[in-house]
C-alpha atoms as a PDB file:
ATOM      1  CA  UNK A   1      -0.087   0.032   0.031  1.00  0.00           C
ATOM      2  CA  UNK A   2       1.557   3.299  -0.978  1.00  0.00           C
ATOM      3  CA  UNK A   3       1.559   6.610   0.707  1.00  0.00           C
ATOM      4  CA  UNK A   4      -1.615   8.450   0.882  1.00  0.00           C
ATOM      5  CA  UNK A   5      -1.979  12.037   1.643  1.00  0.00           C
ATOM      6  CA  UNK A   6      -4.664  13.312   4.471  1.00  0.00           C
ATOM      7  CA  UNK A   7      -6.186  16.249   5.525  1.00  0.00           C
ATOM      8  CA  UNK A   8      -4.498  15.804   9.072  1.00  0.00           C
ATOM      9  CA  UNK A   9      -5.654  17.345  12.276  1.00  0.00           C
ATOM     10  CA  UNK A  10      -3.920  19.141  14.435  1.00  0.00           C
ATOM     11  CA  UNK A  11      -2.742  15.828  16.414  1.00  0.00           C
ATOM     12  CA  UNK A  12      -0.625  14.537  13.821  1.00  0.00           C
ATOM     13  CA  UNK A  13       2.163  16.754  13.865  1.00  0.00           C
ATOM     14  CA  UNK A  14       1.751  16.615  17.900  1.00  0.00           C
ATOM     15  CA  UNK A  15       0.387  18.749  20.302  1.00  0.00           C
ATOM     16  CA  UNK A  16       1.812  21.943  21.396  1.00  0.00           C
ATOM     17  CA  UNK A  17       3.010  22.412  25.066  1.00  0.00           C
ATOM     18  CA  UNK A  18       0.230  24.449  25.715  1.00  0.00           C
ATOM     19  CA  UNK A  19      -2.318  21.352  24.827  1.00  0.00           C
ATOM     20  CA  UNK A  20      -0.453  19.089  27.302  1.00  0.00           C
ATOM     21  CA  UNK A  21      -0.612  21.679  30.105  1.00  0.00           C
ATOM     22  CA  UNK A  22      -4.311  22.376  29.911  1.00  0.00           C
ATOM     23  CA  UNK A  23      -5.700  19.177  29.357  1.00  0.00           C
ATOM     24  CA  UNK A  24      -3.329  16.684  31.148  1.00  0.00           C
ATOM     25  CA  UNK A  25      -1.872  18.893  33.988  1.00  0.00           C
ATOM     26  CA  UNK A  26      -3.022  16.580  36.119  1.00  0.00           C
ATOM     27  CA  UNK A  27      -2.064  12.978  34.880  1.00  0.00           C
ATOM     28  CA  UNK A  28      -3.408  11.094  38.152  1.00  0.00           C
ATOM     29  CA  UNK A  29      -7.162  11.861  36.430  1.00  0.00           C
ATOM     30  CA  UNK A  30      -5.968   9.989  33.228  1.00  0.00           C
ATOM     31  CA  UNK A  31      -6.999   6.643  32.739  1.00  0.00           C
ATOM     32  CA  UNK A  32      -4.141   4.285  31.705  1.00  0.00           C
ATOM     33  CA  UNK A  33      -2.216   6.671  33.828  1.00  0.00           C
ATOM     34  CA  UNK A  34      -3.887   6.823  37.813  1.00  0.00           C
ATOM     35  CA  UNK A  35      -4.605   3.131  37.079  1.00  0.00           C
ATOM     36  CA  UNK A  36      -2.406   2.144  34.847  1.00  0.00           C
ATOM     37  CA  UNK A  37      -1.363  -0.963  37.018  1.00  0.00           C
ATOM     38  CA  UNK A  38      -4.608  -2.397  36.898  1.00  0.00           C
ATOM     39  CA  UNK A  39      -5.185  -2.181  33.154  1.00  0.00           C
ATOM     40  CA  UNK A  40      -1.804  -4.010  32.882  1.00  0.00           C
ATOM     41  CA  UNK A  41      -2.544  -6.906  35.414  1.00  0.00           C
ATOM     42  CA  UNK A  42      -5.944  -7.270  33.670  1.00  0.00           C
ATOM     43  CA  UNK A  43      -3.953  -7.643  30.666  1.00  0.00           C
ATOM     44  CA  UNK A  44      -1.106 -10.050  31.795  1.00  0.00           C
ATOM     45  CA  UNK A  45      -3.824 -12.628  33.172  1.00  0.00           C
ATOM     46  CA  UNK A  46      -5.786 -12.238  30.404  1.00  0.00           C
ATOM     47  CA  UNK A  47      -2.619 -13.673  28.308  1.00  0.00           C
ATOM     48  CA  UNK A  48      -1.767 -16.029  31.043  1.00  0.00           C
ATOM     49  CA  UNK A  49      -5.559 -17.975  30.542  1.00  0.00           C
ATOM     50  CA  UNK A  50      -4.493 -17.915  27.249  1.00  0.00           C
ATOM     51  CA  UNK A  51      -1.074 -18.920  26.834  1.00  0.00           C
ATOM     52  CA  UNK A  52      -0.413 -15.968  25.232  1.00  0.00           C
ATOM     53  CA  UNK A  53       3.465 -14.512  25.462  1.00  0.00           C
ATOM     54  CA  UNK A  54       4.468 -11.136  24.923  1.00  0.00           C
ATOM     55  CA  UNK A  55       7.915 -10.533  23.591  1.00  0.00           C
ATOM     56  CA  UNK A  56       7.410  -7.762  21.793  1.00  0.00           C
ATOM     57  CA  UNK A  57       5.400  -4.883  22.182  1.00  0.00           C
ATOM     58  CA  UNK A  58       4.333  -1.411  20.451  1.00  0.00           C
ATOM     59  CA  UNK A  59       2.883   1.938  22.132  1.00  0.00           C
ATOM     60  CA  UNK A  60       1.186   3.687  19.423  1.00  0.00           C
ATOM     61  CA  UNK A  61       0.953   6.653  20.865  1.00  0.00           C
ATOM     62  CA  UNK A  62       2.961   6.741  24.501  1.00  0.00           C
ATOM     63  CA  UNK A  63       2.282  10.252  25.176  1.00  0.00           C
ATOM     64  CA  UNK A  64       3.864  11.119  28.814  1.00  0.00           C
ATOM     65  CA  UNK A  65       5.007   7.393  28.519  1.00  0.00           C
ATOM     66  CA  UNK A  66       3.748   6.329  32.052  1.00  0.00           C
ATOM     67  CA  UNK A  67       0.999   3.753  30.740  1.00  0.00           C
ATOM     68  CA  UNK A  68       4.134   2.217  28.676  1.00  0.00           C
ATOM     69  CA  UNK A  69       6.480   1.902  31.217  1.00  0.00           C
ATOM     70  CA  UNK A  70       4.212  -0.353  33.274  1.00  0.00           C
ATOM     71  CA  UNK A  71       3.522  -2.102  30.285  1.00  0.00           C
ATOM     72  CA  UNK A  72       7.224  -2.865  29.779  1.00  0.00           C
ATOM     73  CA  UNK A  73       7.746  -3.592  33.557  1.00  0.00           C
ATOM     74  CA  UNK A  74       4.692  -6.107  33.307  1.00  0.00           C
ATOM     75  CA  UNK A  75       5.841  -8.182  30.057  1.00  0.00           C
ATOM     76  CA  UNK A  76       9.281  -7.500  29.872  1.00  0.00           C
ATOM     77  CA  UNK A  77       9.594  -8.095  26.556  1.00  0.00           C
ATOM     78  CA  UNK A  78      12.744  -8.259  24.250  1.00  0.00           C
ATOM     79  CA  UNK A  79      12.171  -6.113  21.676  1.00  0.00           C
ATOM     80  CA  UNK A  80       9.635  -2.853  22.111  1.00  0.00           C
ATOM     81  CA  UNK A  81       9.055   0.474  20.255  1.00  0.00           C
ATOM     82  CA  UNK A  82       6.920   3.482  20.903  1.00  0.00           C
ATOM     83  CA  UNK A  83       6.049   6.630  19.149  1.00  0.00           C
ATOM     84  CA  UNK A  84       4.544   9.794  19.877  1.00  0.00           C
ATOM     85  CA  UNK A  85       4.154  12.960  17.519  1.00  0.00           C
ATOM     86  CA  UNK A  86       4.225  15.646  20.235  1.00  0.00           C
ATOM     87  CA  UNK A  87       7.969  16.903  20.833  1.00  0.00           C
ATOM     88  CA  UNK A  88       6.697  18.070  24.434  1.00  0.00           C
ATOM     89  CA  UNK A  89       5.468  14.288  25.377  1.00  0.00           C
ATOM     90  CA  UNK A  90       8.236  12.429  23.474  1.00  0.00           C
ATOM     91  CA  UNK A  91      10.816  14.886  25.597  1.00  0.00           C
ATOM     92  CA  UNK A  92       9.147  13.920  28.497  1.00  0.00           C
ATOM     93  CA  UNK A  93       8.904  10.378  27.988  1.00  0.00           C
ATOM     94  CA  UNK A  94      12.504   9.975  26.650  1.00  0.00           C
ATOM     95  CA  UNK A  95      13.770  11.770  29.712  1.00  0.00           C
ATOM     96  CA  UNK A  96      12.265   8.544  31.846  1.00  0.00           C
ATOM     97  CA  UNK A  97      13.940   5.215  32.380  1.00  0.00           C
ATOM     98  CA  UNK A  98      11.380   3.237  30.414  1.00  0.00           C
ATOM     99  CA  UNK A  99      13.660   0.268  29.662  1.00  0.00           C
ATOM    100  CA  UNK A 100      12.401  -2.285  31.914  1.00  0.00           C
ATOM    101  CA  UNK A 101      15.788  -4.607  31.786  1.00  0.00           C
ATOM    102  CA  UNK A 102      18.803  -4.199  30.306  1.00  0.00           C
ATOM    103  CA  UNK A 103      17.999  -6.964  27.823  1.00  0.00           C
ATOM    104  CA  UNK A 104      15.221  -5.180  26.403  1.00  0.00           C
ATOM    105  CA  UNK A 105      15.692  -3.602  23.121  1.00  0.00           C
ATOM    106  CA  UNK A 106      13.935  -0.272  23.429  1.00  0.00           C
ATOM    107  CA  UNK A 107      13.135   2.420  20.485  1.00  0.00           C
ATOM    108  CA  UNK A 108      11.277   5.763  20.870  1.00  0.00           C
ATOM    109  CA  UNK A 109      10.613   7.638  17.899  1.00  0.00           C
ATOM    110  CA  UNK A 110       8.834  11.266  17.716  1.00  0.00           C
ATOM    111  CA  UNK A 111       6.380  10.281  14.711  1.00  0.00           C
ATOM    112  CA  UNK A 112       2.359   9.859  14.689  1.00  0.00           C
ATOM    113  CA  UNK A 113       0.541   6.962  13.945  1.00  0.00           C
ATOM    114  CA  UNK A 114      -0.167   7.696   9.873  1.00  0.00           C
ATOM    115  CA  UNK A 115       3.326   8.219   9.406  1.00  0.00           C
ATOM    116  CA  UNK A 116       4.251   4.898  11.187  1.00  0.00           C
ATOM    117  CA  UNK A 117       1.503   3.114   9.246  1.00  0.00           C
ATOM    118  CA  UNK A 118       2.840   4.627   5.817  1.00  0.00           C
ATOM    119  CA  UNK A 119       6.480   3.417   6.342  1.00  0.00           C
ATOM    120  CA  UNK A 120       6.548   0.074   4.565  1.00  0.00           C
ATOM    121  CA  UNK A 121       9.864  -1.018   5.945  1.00  0.00           C
ATOM    122  CA  UNK A 122       8.021  -1.791   8.929  1.00  0.00           C
ATOM    123  CA  UNK A 123       5.782  -4.159   7.469  1.00  0.00           C
ATOM    124  CA  UNK A 124       8.470  -6.982   8.109  1.00  0.00           C
ATOM    125  CA  UNK A 125       7.950  -6.578  11.945  1.00  0.00           C
ATOM    126  CA  UNK A 126       4.762  -8.167  13.476  1.00  0.00           C
ATOM    127  CA  UNK A 127       4.800  -7.098  17.204  1.00  0.00           C
ATOM    128  CA  UNK A 128       3.056  -9.635  19.523  1.00  0.00           C
ATOM    129  CA  UNK A 129       1.042  -6.649  21.426  1.00  0.00           C
ATOM    130  CA  UNK A 130       0.188  -3.324  20.356  1.00  0.00           C
ATOM    131  CA  UNK A 131      -1.190  -0.419  22.732  1.00  0.00           C
ATOM    132  CA  UNK A 132      -3.180   2.631  21.470  1.00  0.00           C
ATOM    133  CA  UNK A 133      -4.925   4.230  24.592  1.00  0.00           C
ATOM    134  CA  UNK A 134      -6.674   7.644  23.871  1.00  0.00           C
ATOM    135  CA  UNK A 135      -4.900   8.025  20.134  1.00  0.00           C
ATOM    136  CA  UNK A 136      -8.408   7.436  18.091  1.00  0.00           C
ATOM    137  CA  UNK A 137     -10.640  10.241  19.121  1.00  0.00           C
ATOM    138  CA  UNK A 138      -8.002  12.417  17.491  1.00  0.00           C
ATOM    139  CA  UNK A 139      -8.020  10.935  14.151  1.00  0.00           C
ATOM    140  CA  UNK A 140     -10.864  11.485  11.370  1.00  0.00           C
ATOM    141  CA  UNK A 141     -12.929   8.025   9.442  1.00  0.00           C
ATOM    142  CA  UNK A 142     -10.878   8.232   6.708  1.00  0.00           C
ATOM    143  CA  UNK A 143      -7.583   7.637   8.817  1.00  0.00           C
ATOM    144  CA  UNK A 144      -8.900   4.896  11.284  1.00  0.00           C
ATOM    145  CA  UNK A 145      -9.685   3.151   7.969  1.00  0.00           C
ATOM    146  CA  UNK A 146      -6.427   3.416   6.658  1.00  0.00           C
ATOM    147  CA  UNK A 147      -4.589   2.518   9.452  1.00  0.00           C
ATOM    148  CA  UNK A 148      -6.476  -0.287  10.534  1.00  0.00           C
ATOM    149  CA  UNK A 149      -5.943  -2.946   8.369  1.00  0.00           C
ATOM    150  CA  UNK A 150      -1.863  -2.102   8.147  1.00  0.00           C
ATOM    151  CA  UNK A 151      -2.273  -2.453  12.329  1.00  0.00           C
ATOM    152  CA  UNK A 152      -4.031  -5.495  12.222  1.00  0.00           C
ATOM    153  CA  UNK A 153      -0.947  -6.846   9.879  1.00  0.00           C
ATOM    154  CA  UNK A 154       1.762  -5.891  12.258  1.00  0.00           C
ATOM    155  CA  UNK A 155       0.463  -6.635  15.278  1.00  0.00           C
ATOM    156  CA  UNK A 156      -0.891 -10.034  16.914  1.00  0.00           C
ATOM    157  CA  UNK A 157      -3.349  -8.473  19.413  1.00  0.00           C
ATOM    158  CA  UNK A 158      -4.198  -4.666  20.401  1.00  0.00           C
ATOM    159  CA  UNK A 159      -4.930  -3.209  23.540  1.00  0.00           C
ATOM    160  CA  UNK A 160      -7.343  -0.628  22.662  1.00  0.00           C
ATOM    161  CA  UNK A 161      -9.109   2.114  24.440  1.00  0.00           C
ATOM    162  CA  UNK A 162     -10.398   5.681  23.423  1.00  0.00           C
ATOM    163  CA  UNK A 163     -13.146   8.030  25.743  1.00  0.00           C
ATOM    164  CA  UNK A 164     -16.630   7.186  24.163  1.00  0.00           C
ATOM    165  CA  UNK A 165     -19.397   9.707  22.913  1.00  0.00           C
ATOM    166  CA  UNK A 166     -21.145   9.311  26.505  1.00  0.00           C
ATOM    167  CA  UNK A 167     -17.644   9.851  28.677  1.00  0.00           C
ATOM    168  CA  UNK A 168     -16.620  12.927  26.555  1.00  0.00           C
ATOM    169  CA  UNK A 169     -20.053  14.581  26.985  1.00  0.00           C
ATOM    170  CA  UNK A 170     -19.981  13.437  31.248  1.00  0.00           C
ATOM    171  CA  UNK A 171     -16.501  15.004  31.246  1.00  0.00           C
ATOM    172  CA  UNK A 172     -17.603  18.346  29.226  1.00  0.00           C
ATOM    173  CA  UNK A 173     -20.799  18.692  31.981  1.00  0.00           C
ATOM    174  CA  UNK A 174     -20.017  17.227  35.368  1.00  0.00           C
ATOM    175  CA  UNK A 175     -15.911  17.980  35.091  1.00  0.00           C
ATOM    176  CA  UNK A 176     -15.784  21.129  33.169  1.00  0.00           C
ATOM    177  CA  UNK A 177     -12.983  19.340  31.098  1.00  0.00           C
ATOM    178  CA  UNK A 178     -13.378  19.995  27.170  1.00  0.00           C
ATOM    179  CA  UNK A 179     -11.068  18.311  24.871  1.00  0.00           C
ATOM    180  CA  UNK A 180     -12.082  20.583  21.540  1.00  0.00           C
ATOM    181  CA  UNK A 181      -9.888  18.118  19.271  1.00  0.00           C
ATOM    182  CA  UNK A 182     -11.386  14.614  20.535  1.00  0.00           C
ATOM    183  CA  UNK A 183     -14.127  13.625  18.179  1.00  0.00           C
ATOM    184  CA  UNK A 184     -17.587  11.835  19.709  1.00  0.00           C
ATOM    185  CA  UNK A 185     -17.619   8.036  18.705  1.00  0.00           C
ATOM    186  CA  UNK A 186     -20.689   5.806  20.084  1.00  0.00           C
ATOM    187  CA  UNK A 187     -18.829   1.934  21.087  1.00  0.00           C
ATOM    188  CA  UNK A 188     -20.509   0.859  18.176  1.00  0.00           C
ATOM    189  CA  UNK A 189     -18.844   3.319  15.688  1.00  0.00           C
ATOM    190  CA  UNK A 190     -15.963   1.897  16.855  1.00  0.00           C
ATOM    191  CA  UNK A 191     -17.005  -1.690  16.936  1.00  0.00           C
ATOM    192  CA  UNK A 192     -17.727  -0.670  13.002  1.00  0.00           C
ATOM    193  CA  UNK A 193     -14.374   0.425  12.453  1.00  0.00           C
ATOM    194  CA  UNK A 194     -12.847  -2.818  14.151  1.00  0.00           C
ATOM    195  CA  UNK A 195     -15.184  -5.212  12.184  1.00  0.00           C
ATOM    196  CA  UNK A 196     -13.031  -5.986   9.385  1.00  0.00           C
ATOM    197  CA  UNK A 197      -9.985  -6.015  10.838  1.00  0.00           C
ATOM    198  CA  UNK A 198      -9.944  -7.598  14.769  1.00  0.00           C
ATOM    199  CA  UNK A 199     -11.861  -9.758  16.444  1.00  0.00           C
ATOM    200  CA  UNK A 200     -12.766  -8.430  19.938  1.00  0.00           C
ATOM    201  CA  UNK A 201     -11.707 -10.742  22.626  1.00  0.00           C
ATOM    202  CA  UNK A 202     -12.143  -9.022  25.939  1.00  0.00           C
ATOM    203  CA  UNK A 203     -13.942  -5.463  26.874  1.00  0.00           C
ATOM    204  CA  UNK A 204     -10.720  -3.355  25.729  1.00  0.00           C
END
């Protein structure tokens, strides 16, 4: 599949420092941050029951790096890769000691998901596990349809979590938290996107 041009939103090149300070100044309130350990233990036990071994891992939007760090500590993969387009968030993640053990080959790159998908040289690597936490609400429908088939080829399992329309409305009405760049979609809408590429095996 050749390189495709998109009319990317602000998130494609990464959000500015002001965005992170406005929306994520309290990371302890963020899903997959304050409860990162619970997410990882849930996944670890699910895989243990199914005898799935995770030796390679990719985070497709690592943000400040907190969730990625706990994932790495949980699975101790042989090879791990993390991408993040925002220079501010990437610098913070890069400054952390993310490598869980010395033997883990860790690669971090400041690029967005679309660029990662468009790089055909990456097609030779198939990850045991991919992570997408709070990324897809910043992608258009067209971008999602482009990325998912490529993601399905490059990973055996995907741990996917995204705020739904009802959650975003609750944040706006009850918490006075309004992410102007987040696209509101229902659970059914996301299921429709994934149906032809992934099989849902858990609540995430």
